[in-house]
Amino acid sequence: MDSNKVMVGCRVSQERKNEWDNFIEQSDEYNTLAQLVRTGVKRVISESQSNEEQQLEMVRDDLQGVLREIKQARLDIDELEDSIDDAEDISDELMFEIEEYFTNKDEQ
């Protein structure tokens, strides 16, 4: 026996073992129960890692979308600030003109 390997055991019902044995007998891919179990475990781990990678990619995509929305919100805020500054300038000009109008009217 290879010294780098350890024995791993598990208990299953006789019905389950019979099901697995029948599968192996009909399979061209598996010769032993150990081979079937090892392959099954590898697949479960691989699928789990694949699912985690897909979920991580979805989170990255979501975060990219949020980042784009934040950048757009900043641009919108900058544009609104410019509009407010313009409105304040116009308001100041109008107040000056109104004051000037009434000052000149009173002098006449």
N, C-alpha and C. Protein backbone atom coordinates (compact mmCIF):
# COMPACT_ATOMS: atom_id res chain seq x y z
N MET A 1 0.84 -1.18 0.00
CA MET A 1 0.00 0.00 0.00
C MET A 1 0.88 1.23 0.00
N ASP A 2 0.51 2.24 -0.79
CA ASP A 2 1.27 3.48 -0.91
C ASP A 2 1.25 4.22 0.43
N SER A 3 2.43 4.64 0.90
CA SER A 3 2.50 5.29 2.22
C SER A 3 1.93 6.71 2.20
N ASN A 4 1.70 7.28 1.03
CA ASN A 4 1.13 8.63 0.94
C ASN A 4 -0.39 8.63 0.98
N LYS A 5 -0.97 7.47 1.01
CA LYS A 5 -2.43 7.39 0.97
C LYS A 5 -2.97 6.88 2.30
N VAL A 6 -4.18 7.33 2.61
CA VAL A 6 -4.84 6.87 3.83
C VAL A 6 -6.16 6.22 3.44
N MET A 7 -6.63 5.37 4.30
CA MET A 7 -7.90 4.68 4.07
C MET A 7 -9.03 5.53 4.62
N VAL A 8 -10.08 5.72 3.83
CA VAL A 8 -11.26 6.45 4.26
C VAL A 8 -12.44 5.52 4.09
N GLY A 9 -13.20 5.36 5.14
CA GLY A 9 -14.35 4.46 5.07
C GLY A 9 -15.64 5.21 5.36
N CYS A 10 -16.72 4.60 4.95
CA CYS A 10 -18.03 5.17 5.27
C CYS A 10 -19.04 4.02 5.36
N ARG A 11 -20.10 4.27 6.08
CA ARG A 11 -21.15 3.26 6.23
C ARG A 11 -22.34 3.66 5.38
N VAL A 12 -22.86 2.69 4.64
CA VAL A 12 -24.07 2.89 3.85
C VAL A 12 -24.96 1.67 4.04
N SER A 13 -26.21 1.84 3.69
CA SER A 13 -27.14 0.71 3.82
C SER A 13 -26.77 -0.35 2.78
N GLN A 14 -27.19 -1.58 3.04
CA GLN A 14 -26.94 -2.67 2.10
C GLN A 14 -27.60 -2.35 0.76
N GLU A 15 -28.77 -1.76 0.81
CA GLU A 15 -29.49 -1.39 -0.42
C GLU A 15 -28.66 -0.41 -1.25
N ARG A 16 -28.07 0.58 -0.59
CA ARG A 16 -27.25 1.57 -1.30
C ARG A 16 -26.02 0.91 -1.90
N LYS A 17 -25.37 0.03 -1.13
CA LYS A 17 -24.17 -0.66 -1.64
C LYS A 17 -24.53 -1.52 -2.84
N ASN A 18 -25.67 -2.21 -2.78
CA ASN A 18 -26.12 -3.02 -3.92
C ASN A 18 -26.36 -2.13 -5.15
N GLU A 19 -26.95 -0.97 -4.92
CA GLU A 19 -27.21 -0.03 -6.02
C GLU A 19 -25.88 0.38 -6.67
N TRP A 20 -24.89 0.70 -5.83
CA TRP A 20 -23.59 1.12 -6.36
C TRP A 20 -22.90 -0.05 -7.08
N ASP A 21 -22.95 -1.22 -6.50
CA ASP A 21 -22.33 -2.40 -7.14
C ASP A 21 -22.98 -2.69 -8.49
N ASN A 22 -24.30 -2.61 -8.56
CA ASN A 22 -24.99 -2.83 -9.84
C ASN A 22 -24.57 -1.79 -10.87
N PHE A 23 -24.42 -0.56 -10.44
CA PHE A 23 -23.99 0.50 -11.34
C PHE A 23 -22.60 0.19 -11.90
N ILE A 24 -21.69 -0.24 -11.03
CA ILE A 24 -20.32 -0.56 -11.45
C ILE A 24 -20.32 -1.71 -12.45
N GLU A 25 -21.14 -2.74 -12.21
CA GLU A 25 -21.22 -3.89 -13.11
C GLU A 25 -21.66 -3.46 -14.51
N GLN A 26 -22.54 -2.47 -14.59
CA GLN A 26 -23.06 -2.03 -15.88
C GLN A 26 -22.21 -0.92 -16.51
N SER A 27 -21.25 -0.43 -15.76
CA SER A 27 -20.47 0.72 -16.21
C SER A 27 -19.21 0.29 -16.96
N ASP A 28 -18.89 1.04 -18.00
CA ASP A 28 -17.61 0.84 -18.70
C ASP A 28 -16.54 1.76 -18.11
N GLU A 29 -16.98 2.70 -17.31
CA GLU A 29 -16.06 3.71 -16.78
C GLU A 29 -15.47 3.32 -15.42
N TYR A 30 -16.24 2.61 -14.60
CA TYR A 30 -15.81 2.30 -13.23
C TYR A 30 -15.62 0.80 -13.05
N ASN A 31 -14.48 0.46 -12.41
CA ASN A 31 -14.18 -0.95 -12.16
C ASN A 31 -14.36 -1.33 -10.70
N THR A 32 -14.24 -0.34 -9.82
CA THR A 32 -14.33 -0.63 -8.38
C THR A 32 -15.21 0.40 -7.69
N LEU A 33 -15.68 0.01 -6.53
CA LEU A 33 -16.48 0.92 -5.71
C LEU A 33 -15.63 2.11 -5.29
N ALA A 34 -14.37 1.87 -4.96
CA ALA A 34 -13.48 2.96 -4.55
C ALA A 34 -13.32 3.98 -5.68
N GLN A 35 -13.19 3.49 -6.90
CA GLN A 35 -13.05 4.39 -8.05
C GLN A 35 -14.32 5.24 -8.23
N LEU A 36 -15.47 4.61 -8.08
CA LEU A 36 -16.75 5.33 -8.20
C LEU A 36 -16.86 6.41 -7.12
N VAL A 37 -16.52 6.05 -5.89
CA VAL A 37 -16.62 7.01 -4.78
C VAL A 37 -15.63 8.16 -4.99
N ARG A 38 -14.38 7.85 -5.36
CA ARG A 38 -13.39 8.91 -5.59
C ARG A 38 -13.85 9.87 -6.67
N THR A 39 -14.37 9.32 -7.76
CA THR A 39 -14.85 10.16 -8.86
C THR A 39 -16.04 11.02 -8.42
N GLY A 40 -16.94 10.42 -7.68
CA GLY A 40 -18.10 11.18 -7.18
C GLY A 40 -17.68 12.33 -6.28
N VAL A 41 -16.74 12.07 -5.39
CA VAL A 41 -16.26 13.11 -4.48
C VAL A 41 -15.57 14.22 -5.28
N LYS A 42 -14.75 13.85 -6.25
CA LYS A 42 -14.08 14.86 -7.09
C LYS A 42 -15.09 15.73 -7.81
N ARG A 43 -16.14 15.12 -8.34
CA ARG A 43 -17.16 15.89 -9.06
C ARG A 43 -17.89 16.86 -8.14
N VAL A 44 -18.24 16.40 -6.96
CA VAL A 44 -18.94 17.28 -6.01
C VAL A 44 -18.06 18.48 -5.66
N ILE A 45 -16.79 18.22 -5.38
CA ILE A 45 -15.87 19.31 -5.05
C ILE A 45 -15.71 20.25 -6.23
N SER A 46 -15.53 19.69 -7.41
CA SER A 46 -15.35 20.50 -8.62
C SER A 46 -16.58 21.37 -8.89
N GLU A 47 -17.77 20.78 -8.78
CA GLU A 47 -19.01 21.54 -9.01
C GLU A 47 -19.17 22.63 -7.96
N SER A 48 -18.80 22.33 -6.73
CA SER A 48 -18.90 23.32 -5.66
C SER A 48 -17.98 24.50 -5.94
N GLN A 49 -16.75 24.21 -6.35
CA GLN A 49 -15.80 25.28 -6.67
C GLN A 49 -16.28 26.07 -7.87
N SER A 50 -16.83 25.37 -8.86
CA SER A 50 -17.34 26.04 -10.05
C SER A 50 -18.50 26.97 -9.68
N ASN A 51 -19.40 26.49 -8.82
CA ASN A 51 -20.52 27.32 -8.36
C ASN A 51 -20.02 28.54 -7.61
N GLU A 52 -19.01 28.35 -6.77
CA GLU A 52 -18.45 29.47 -6.02
C GLU A 52 -17.84 30.49 -6.97
N GLU A 53 -17.14 30.01 -8.01
CA GLU A 53 -16.54 30.91 -8.98
C GLU A 53 -17.62 31.68 -9.74
N GLN A 54 -18.70 30.99 -10.10
CA GLN A 54 -19.81 31.66 -10.79
C GLN A 54 -20.44 32.71 -9.88
N GLN A 55 -20.63 32.37 -8.63
CA GLN A 55 -21.22 33.34 -7.69
C GLN A 55 -20.30 34.53 -7.50
N LEU A 56 -19.01 34.28 -7.42
CA LEU A 56 -18.04 35.36 -7.28
C LEU A 56 -18.08 36.27 -8.50
N GLU A 57 -18.17 35.68 -9.67
CA GLU A 57 -18.25 36.47 -10.91
C GLU A 57 -19.53 37.31 -10.93
N MET A 58 -20.64 36.74 -10.45
CA MET A 58 -21.89 37.49 -10.39
C MET A 58 -21.76 38.67 -9.43
N VAL A 59 -21.11 38.45 -8.30
CA VAL A 59 -20.90 39.53 -7.34
C VAL A 59 -20.03 40.62 -7.96
N ARG A 60 -18.98 40.21 -8.67
CA ARG A 60 -18.12 41.19 -9.34
C ARG A 60 -18.92 42.01 -10.34
N ASP A 61 -19.75 41.35 -11.13
CA ASP A 61 -20.59 42.06 -12.11
C ASP A 61 -21.52 43.03 -11.41
N ASP A 62 -22.14 42.58 -10.31
CA ASP A 62 -23.04 43.46 -9.55
C ASP A 62 -22.28 44.67 -9.03
N LEU A 63 -21.09 44.45 -8.50
CA LEU A 63 -20.30 45.56 -7.96
C LEU A 63 -19.87 46.52 -9.06
N GLN A 64 -19.56 45.99 -10.24
CA GLN A 64 -19.22 46.87 -11.37
C GLN A 64 -20.42 47.74 -11.73
N GLY A 65 -21.61 47.15 -11.71
CA GLY A 65 -22.83 47.91 -11.98
C GLY A 65 -23.06 48.99 -10.95
N VAL A 66 -22.84 48.66 -9.69
CA VAL A 66 -23.00 49.65 -8.61
C VAL A 66 -21.98 50.77 -8.79
N LEU A 67 -20.75 50.42 -9.13
CA LEU A 67 -19.71 51.42 -9.34
C LEU A 67 -20.08 52.36 -10.48
N ARG A 68 -20.61 51.82 -11.58
CA ARG A 68 -21.05 52.66 -12.70
C ARG A 68 -22.16 53.61 -12.25
N GLU A 69 -23.10 53.09 -11.47
CA GLU A 69 -24.20 53.93 -10.99
C GLU A 69 -23.69 55.04 -10.06
N ILE A 70 -22.72 54.73 -9.22
CA ILE A 70 -22.14 55.75 -8.33
C ILE A 70 -21.44 56.82 -9.15
N LYS A 71 -20.67 56.40 -10.15
CA LYS A 71 -19.99 57.38 -11.01
C LYS A 71 -21.00 58.27 -11.72
N GLN A 72 -22.08 57.68 -12.22
CA GLN A 72 -23.11 58.46 -12.90
C GLN A 72 -23.78 59.41 -11.92
N ALA A 73 -24.03 58.96 -10.70
CA ALA A 73 -24.63 59.83 -9.69
C ALA A 73 -23.72 61.01 -9.38
N ARG A 74 -22.42 60.77 -9.32
CA ARG A 74 -21.47 61.86 -9.09
C ARG A 74 -21.52 62.87 -10.23
N LEU A 75 -21.57 62.37 -11.46
CA LEU A 75 -21.67 63.27 -12.62
C LEU A 75 -22.96 64.08 -12.55
N ASP A 76 -24.05 63.42 -12.20
CA ASP A 76 -25.34 64.11 -12.08
C ASP A 76 -25.29 65.18 -10.99
N ILE A 77 -24.66 64.87 -9.88
CA ILE A 77 -24.54 65.84 -8.78
C ILE A 77 -23.70 67.03 -9.22
N ASP A 78 -22.59 66.76 -9.91
CA ASP A 78 -21.76 67.87 -10.42
C ASP A 78 -22.55 68.76 -11.36
N GLU A 79 -23.34 68.14 -12.22
CA GLU A 79 -24.17 68.90 -13.16
C GLU A 79 -25.21 69.74 -12.41
N LEU A 80 -25.82 69.15 -11.39
CA LEU A 80 -26.80 69.90 -10.59
C LEU A 80 -26.13 71.06 -9.85
N GLU A 81 -24.94 70.84 -9.32
CA GLU A 81 -24.22 71.92 -8.64
C GLU A 81 -23.93 73.06 -9.60
N ASP A 82 -23.54 72.73 -10.84
CA ASP A 82 -23.31 73.76 -11.85
C ASP A 82 -24.60 74.52 -12.14
N SER A 83 -25.70 73.79 -12.25
CA SER A 83 -27.00 74.44 -12.51
C SER A 83 -27.39 75.35 -11.35
N ILE A 84 -27.15 74.91 -10.13
CA ILE A 84 -27.46 75.74 -8.95
C ILE A 84 -26.60 77.00 -8.96
N ASP A 85 -25.31 76.85 -9.27
CA ASP A 85 -24.42 78.01 -9.35
C ASP A 85 -24.93 78.99 -10.41
N ASP A 86 -25.33 78.47 -11.58
CA ASP A 86 -25.87 79.33 -12.64
C ASP A 86 -27.13 80.04 -12.17
N ALA A 87 -28.01 79.31 -11.49
CA ALA A 87 -29.25 79.91 -11.00
C ALA A 87 -28.96 80.99 -9.96
N GLU A 88 -27.98 80.77 -9.10
CA GLU A 88 -27.60 81.78 -8.11
C GLU A 88 -27.05 83.03 -8.79
N ASP A 89 -26.23 82.84 -9.83
CA ASP A 89 -25.69 83.98 -10.58
C ASP A 89 -26.82 84.78 -11.23
N ILE A 90 -27.76 84.08 -11.85
CA ILE A 90 -28.91 84.76 -12.48
C ILE A 90 -29.73 85.49 -11.43
N SER A 91 -29.96 84.85 -10.29
CA SER A 91 -30.72 85.47 -9.21
C SER A 91 -30.02 86.73 -8.71
N ASP A 92 -28.70 86.67 -8.54
CA ASP A 92 -27.94 87.84 -8.10
C ASP A 92 -28.03 88.96 -9.12
N GLU A 93 -27.92 88.63 -10.40
CA GLU A 93 -28.03 89.64 -11.46
C GLU A 93 -29.41 90.28 -11.46
N LEU A 94 -30.45 89.46 -11.33
CA LEU A 94 -31.81 90.00 -11.31
C LEU A 94 -32.02 90.90 -10.11
N MET A 95 -31.53 90.50 -8.95
CA MET A 95 -31.67 91.34 -7.75
C MET A 95 -30.96 92.67 -7.95
N PHE A 96 -29.78 92.64 -8.56
CA PHE A 96 -29.04 93.87 -8.82
C PHE A 96 -29.83 94.77 -9.77
N GLU A 97 -30.36 94.18 -10.84
CA GLU A 97 -31.13 94.96 -11.81
C GLU A 97 -32.40 95.53 -11.19
N ILE A 98 -33.08 94.74 -10.35
CA ILE A 98 -34.30 95.22 -9.68
C ILE A 98 -33.96 96.38 -8.74
N GLU A 99 -32.90 96.21 -7.95
CA GLU A 99 -32.48 97.29 -7.05
C GLU A 99 -32.11 98.54 -7.83
N GLU A 100 -31.39 98.35 -8.92
CA GLU A 100 -30.98 99.48 -9.76
C GLU A 100 -32.20 100.16 -10.37
N TYR A 101 -33.17 99.37 -10.81
CA TYR A 101 -34.39 99.92 -11.42
C TYR A 101 -35.13 100.79 -10.41
N PHE A 102 -35.33 100.25 -9.19
CA PHE A 102 -36.08 101.02 -8.20
C PHE A 102 -35.28 102.22 -7.69
N THR A 103 -33.97 102.09 -7.64
CA THR A 103 -33.14 103.22 -7.23
C THR A 103 -33.24 104.34 -8.26
N ASN A 104 -33.15 103.99 -9.54
CA ASN A 104 -33.25 104.98 -10.61
C ASN A 104 -34.65 105.56 -10.68
N LYS A 105 -35.67 104.77 -10.41
CA LYS A 105 -37.06 105.23 -10.47
C LYS A 105 -37.31 106.25 -9.37
N ASP A 106 -36.75 105.96 -8.18
CA ASP A 106 -36.93 106.88 -7.06
C ASP A 106 -36.22 108.21 -7.32
N GLU A 107 -35.13 108.19 -8.05
CA GLU A 107 -34.36 109.40 -8.33
C GLU A 107 -35.05 110.25 -9.38
N GLN A 108 -35.92 109.73 -10.16
CA GLN A 108 -36.58 110.49 -11.23
C GLN A 108 -37.69 111.28 -10.72
